[in-house]
Structure formats: C-alpha cells, structure tokens
C-alpha cells in the first residue's frame, strides 16, 4: 500500500485568499541561539492552506468542526473528477451532470481543475483568480445522499469574481436552512497533483480546536496497487 499526501504543509509562503492575512511563523526559542530547545509561535486564520469548512462556517445552526465524530473524516468511496477550469471560471451543474453515475455512491468527491499547478509559481493569481463553484452545483450535489465531502485543487469554493455564487454554494453545502441537519464538508486548497487512480481510503484529519467553525487539516490517501 502506498500513501499520498493530499494536503500542503503550512508555511509563511502559503497563498492567501483575496486579502486574508498571511501565515506568520516566529521562532520563540532556538537551540542554535543558546536555548535548550526549539519552539515556535504560529499565527494564522483557520482557513489558511489545506483546511476543512465545517457547517458553522455558513450555517448559524450548524456544528463546529470539533463537534463532529471522527468517522466524519474517513472516506472509503472516493471519486476523482477532472474538470478543467482556469481563472475565475465556475463549476456548474452542467459540468457535473455527465458524471452522475460516478458520483452516485461516492462519499468523497475530489474535483481536479488543474489550477493547483500554479500554486507555487503564481501564488497571487492562485489566491485572487481561482475557479469556484456555482449555486447550481451545490443544489445538484446535495441530491447525492452518500456524499459527505467535496475536495478541490483551488484555494476556495468561492471564486472572488463570483462571490454571490460562492456564498450560495457554501450555504447550501453546509446545510443552511435545512431541517434535516444534512451538510457536505468542503476541503479546500488540496494537493491533487498526483496520479489518483486506485485511491482507496482517504483520511482528512482536522486540527480540533474548540469554538471555531473550520480548521486546518492533514489529508492523505491510501492507494491500492
């Protein structure tokens, strides 16, 4: 069995979405400078780098991420869809409909647009002109009862050029105004630049922080030979 890391390490070079503050990492104690140990202070918003949007992010009645059972973050039926998109383009219901038979029965849907390939070479473009999802995509995806999370190779589900669509997508996916409590987690800024054929189980493990809506995450896949 081979394991693939599908999340990015957090660093001061992590791209930020629009005008979000950058990640700050400051060494507090240093062996090299004569201290007995190394220790760092890390300052970041909880939506930096690879992270999971929990229900409370856009749903006032939704649960905080740390309130969800650990089983919510383990996925056994993973589907990867290649839907090429570039700057400011939206993924719509029409883009997803041809893959209905593949989405059915899936618990984690990974959308690979190819935009993730510029993350390192052009982080400003990556953070300000990312593709996103339309409201129609959310309404379509919510029809699939087995679906528990959607991951993507771009920095946010919301394209900065289409904020109304992005907000509506988040609200629908995270269960706003639903009476049945259903939601679909969003795993943003994933590293999908791998050969993802024969992916088995995927673990999307958040940093459990009490009182926050969403959290940084380490995501890895077990790949079957």
Protein backbone atom coordinates (compact mmCIF):
# COMPACT_ATOMS: atom_id res chain seq x y z
CA UNK A 1 0.00 0.00 0.00
CA UNK A 2 1.24 3.48 -0.89
CA UNK A 3 0.19 6.65 0.91
CA UNK A 4 -0.17 10.03 -0.80
CA UNK A 5 -0.21 13.37 0.99
CA UNK A 6 -3.10 15.41 -0.40
CA UNK A 7 -2.59 18.48 1.78
CA UNK A 8 0.03 21.20 1.68
CA UNK A 9 2.36 21.98 4.60
CA UNK A 10 1.57 25.30 6.24
CA UNK A 11 4.28 27.92 5.76
CA UNK A 12 4.87 31.66 5.50
CA UNK A 13 4.65 31.11 1.73
CA UNK A 14 1.14 29.61 1.88
CA UNK A 15 -1.03 31.51 -0.64
CA UNK A 16 -3.86 33.51 0.86
CA UNK A 17 -7.38 34.05 -0.46
CA UNK A 18 -8.01 37.65 -1.53
CA UNK A 19 -6.99 39.95 1.35
CA UNK A 20 -6.70 37.32 4.08
CA UNK A 21 -3.67 37.83 6.36
CA UNK A 22 -0.54 35.78 5.66
CA UNK A 23 0.68 32.96 7.86
CA UNK A 24 3.23 34.07 10.45
CA UNK A 25 5.75 31.63 11.96
CA UNK A 26 8.17 33.05 14.51
CA UNK A 27 10.82 31.09 16.36
CA UNK A 28 10.46 31.82 20.06
CA UNK A 29 13.32 29.66 21.36
CA UNK A 30 16.33 28.41 19.39
CA UNK A 31 18.98 25.82 20.27
CA UNK A 32 21.26 27.49 17.74
CA UNK A 33 20.99 30.74 19.72
CA UNK A 34 21.73 29.07 23.03
CA UNK A 35 18.30 27.96 24.23
CA UNK A 36 17.74 24.43 25.48
CA UNK A 37 15.02 23.68 22.92
CA UNK A 38 13.32 24.91 19.77
CA UNK A 39 9.82 26.36 19.92
CA UNK A 40 7.70 28.38 17.53
CA UNK A 41 4.69 30.67 17.62
CA UNK A 42 2.28 30.25 14.70
CA UNK A 43 -0.33 32.84 13.77
CA UNK A 44 -2.89 32.05 11.09
CA UNK A 45 -6.57 32.24 10.32
CA UNK A 46 -8.30 28.86 10.38
CA UNK A 47 -8.91 28.98 6.61
CA UNK A 48 -5.26 29.09 5.57
CA UNK A 49 -3.75 26.31 3.48
CA UNK A 50 -5.48 22.95 3.24
CA UNK A 51 -8.49 23.17 5.54
CA UNK A 52 -11.99 21.83 6.04
CA UNK A 53 -15.04 24.09 6.05
CA UNK A 54 -17.40 22.89 8.77
CA UNK A 55 -21.15 23.53 8.91
CA UNK A 56 -20.92 26.54 11.26
CA UNK A 57 -18.83 28.43 8.68
CA UNK A 58 -22.01 29.50 6.84
CA UNK A 59 -24.77 27.80 8.83
CA UNK A 60 -25.73 29.53 12.10
CA UNK A 61 -27.39 26.32 13.33
CA UNK A 62 -24.54 24.11 12.11
CA UNK A 63 -22.00 22.25 14.21
CA UNK A 64 -18.46 23.41 14.76
CA UNK A 65 -15.88 21.14 13.19
CA UNK A 66 -14.57 19.83 16.53
CA UNK A 67 -18.10 18.70 17.43
CA UNK A 68 -18.26 16.18 14.59
CA UNK A 69 -17.44 12.49 15.18
CA UNK A 70 -14.04 11.36 13.93
CA UNK A 71 -15.69 8.97 11.47
CA UNK A 72 -16.88 12.01 9.53
CA UNK A 73 -13.31 12.49 8.33
CA UNK A 74 -12.65 9.00 6.96
CA UNK A 75 -13.78 8.20 3.42
CA UNK A 76 -13.99 4.78 1.77
CA UNK A 77 -15.65 5.57 -1.57
CA UNK A 78 -13.61 8.22 -3.32
CA UNK A 79 -14.20 9.57 -6.82
CA UNK A 80 -11.83 11.90 -8.67
CA UNK A 81 -13.24 14.06 -11.47
CA UNK A 82 -11.07 16.01 -13.89
CA UNK A 83 -13.00 19.17 -14.77
CA UNK A 84 -10.50 21.61 -16.31
CA UNK A 85 -11.06 25.22 -15.27
CA UNK A 86 -8.89 28.31 -15.26
CA UNK A 87 -9.01 31.83 -13.81
CA UNK A 88 -12.40 32.91 -12.41
CA UNK A 89 -14.38 30.11 -14.08
CA UNK A 90 -17.25 28.36 -12.32
CA UNK A 91 -18.03 24.67 -11.97
CA UNK A 92 -21.74 24.34 -12.68
CA UNK A 93 -24.42 21.71 -12.59
CA UNK A 94 -23.88 21.22 -16.32
CA UNK A 95 -20.22 20.35 -15.67
CA UNK A 96 -21.18 17.71 -13.09
CA UNK A 97 -24.18 16.07 -14.75
CA UNK A 98 -22.13 13.90 -17.16
CA UNK A 99 -20.53 12.25 -14.11
CA UNK A 100 -23.75 11.36 -12.29
CA UNK A 101 -23.08 7.62 -12.41
CA UNK A 102 -19.62 8.14 -10.91
CA UNK A 103 -20.81 10.47 -8.14
CA UNK A 104 -23.56 8.07 -7.08
CA UNK A 105 -22.36 6.05 -4.09
CA UNK A 106 -19.36 8.34 -3.51
CA UNK A 107 -18.65 9.71 -0.03
CA UNK A 108 -15.70 11.95 -1.03
CA UNK A 109 -15.68 13.73 -4.37
CA UNK A 110 -12.36 15.26 -5.45
CA UNK A 111 -12.56 17.90 -8.18
CA UNK A 112 -9.31 18.43 -10.07
CA UNK A 113 -9.32 21.51 -12.30
CA UNK A 114 -5.57 21.76 -12.91
CA UNK A 115 -5.46 25.20 -11.28
CA UNK A 116 -3.41 23.80 -8.41
CA UNK A 117 -0.39 23.57 -10.69
CA UNK A 118 0.21 27.35 -10.37
CA UNK A 119 0.04 27.42 -6.56
CA UNK A 120 3.80 27.75 -6.12
CA UNK A 121 4.72 29.62 -9.30
CA UNK A 122 2.00 32.29 -9.06
CA UNK A 123 0.51 32.41 -5.54
CA UNK A 124 -1.10 35.83 -6.05
CA UNK A 125 -3.04 34.62 -9.08
CA UNK A 126 -3.84 31.40 -7.22
CA UNK A 127 -5.35 33.37 -4.33
CA UNK A 128 -7.19 36.01 -6.31
CA UNK A 129 -8.41 34.39 -9.52
CA UNK A 130 -9.29 30.84 -8.52
CA UNK A 131 -12.11 28.89 -10.11
CA UNK A 132 -15.13 28.29 -7.92
CA UNK A 133 -18.48 26.58 -7.72
CA UNK A 134 -21.87 27.91 -8.75
CA UNK A 135 -25.05 27.72 -6.72
CA UNK A 136 -26.40 25.23 -9.25
CA UNK A 137 -23.50 22.88 -8.48
CA UNK A 138 -24.43 22.84 -4.80
CA UNK A 139 -28.09 22.10 -5.46
CA UNK A 140 -27.05 19.25 -7.74
CA UNK A 141 -24.50 17.71 -5.36
CA UNK A 142 -26.90 17.74 -2.41
CA UNK A 143 -29.08 15.24 -4.29
CA UNK A 144 -26.45 12.51 -3.77
CA UNK A 145 -27.26 11.07 -0.34
CA UNK A 146 -23.95 9.25 0.09
CA UNK A 147 -21.81 12.34 -0.50
CA UNK A 148 -20.19 13.65 2.70
CA UNK A 149 -17.35 15.87 1.44
CA UNK A 150 -16.06 17.63 -1.66
CA UNK A 151 -12.38 18.46 -2.09
CA UNK A 152 -10.76 20.72 -4.66
CA UNK A 153 -7.39 21.79 -6.04
CA UNK A 154 -8.01 25.52 -5.60
CA UNK A 155 -7.93 27.85 -2.63
CA UNK A 156 -11.66 28.35 -2.02
CA UNK A 157 -15.02 27.08 -3.20
CA UNK A 158 -15.87 30.71 -3.93
CA UNK A 159 -14.36 32.46 -6.93
CA UNK A 160 -13.56 36.08 -5.95
CA UNK A 161 -15.11 37.27 -9.21
CA UNK A 162 -18.41 35.49 -8.41
CA UNK A 163 -18.90 35.97 -4.68
CA UNK A 164 -22.70 35.70 -4.76
CA UNK A 165 -22.42 32.27 -6.36
CA UNK A 166 -19.70 31.23 -3.92
CA UNK A 167 -21.69 32.30 -0.88
CA UNK A 168 -24.78 30.47 -2.10
CA UNK A 169 -22.68 27.36 -2.76
CA UNK A 170 -21.24 27.41 0.77
CA UNK A 171 -24.63 28.00 2.37
CA UNK A 172 -26.28 25.13 0.54
CA UNK A 173 -23.44 22.65 1.01
CA UNK A 174 -23.05 23.45 4.71
CA UNK A 175 -26.74 22.95 5.39
CA UNK A 176 -28.10 26.44 5.96
CA UNK A 177 -31.90 26.46 6.41
CA UNK A 178 -32.18 22.66 6.22
CA UNK A 179 -34.38 20.92 8.75
CA UNK A 180 -32.72 17.51 8.39
CA UNK A 181 -29.27 18.61 9.57
CA UNK A 182 -27.52 17.37 6.43
CA UNK A 183 -24.35 19.04 5.19
CA UNK A 184 -21.38 18.28 2.93
CA UNK A 185 -17.91 19.22 4.15
CA UNK A 186 -15.66 21.28 1.89
CA UNK A 187 -11.93 20.51 1.77
CA UNK A 188 -10.24 23.48 0.14
CA UNK A 189 -6.72 24.01 -1.21
CA UNK A 190 -5.87 20.33 -1.69
CA UNK A 191 -2.82 18.97 -3.45
CA UNK A 192 -4.29 16.79 -6.20
CA UNK A 193 -1.17 16.86 -8.38
CA UNK A 194 -0.82 13.09 -8.14
CA UNK A 195 -1.79 10.01 -10.03
CA UNK A 196 -5.01 9.34 -8.11
CA UNK A 197 -6.03 6.13 -9.82
CA UNK A 198 -6.80 3.26 -7.44
CA UNK A 199 -7.21 5.52 -4.42
CA UNK A 200 -8.75 3.64 -1.52
CA UNK A 201 -9.36 5.21 1.87
CA UNK A 202 -8.82 8.95 2.36
CA UNK A 203 -8.27 10.48 5.79
CA UNK A 204 -8.96 14.21 6.17
CA UNK A 205 -7.82 14.90 9.72
CA UNK A 206 -8.55 18.40 11.04
CA UNK A 207 -6.82 20.17 13.88
CA UNK A 208 -9.53 20.00 16.54
CA UNK A 209 -9.91 23.49 18.03
CA UNK A 210 -12.88 24.15 20.27
CA UNK A 211 -15.16 27.03 19.36
CA UNK A 212 -14.20 27.55 15.71
CA UNK A 213 -16.16 26.90 12.55
CA UNK A 214 -13.49 25.19 10.45
CA UNK A 215 -9.92 24.01 10.75
CA UNK A 216 -6.58 23.29 9.13
CA UNK A 217 -6.25 19.68 8.04
CA UNK A 218 -3.81 16.99 7.03
CA UNK A 219 -5.25 14.86 4.25
CA UNK A 220 -3.75 11.64 2.94
CA UNK A 221 -4.87 8.76 0.78
CA UNK A 222 -4.10 5.07 0.79
CA UNK A 223 -3.53 3.93 -2.77
CA UNK A 224 -4.16 0.37 -3.78
CA UNK A 225 -1.65 -1.29 -6.12
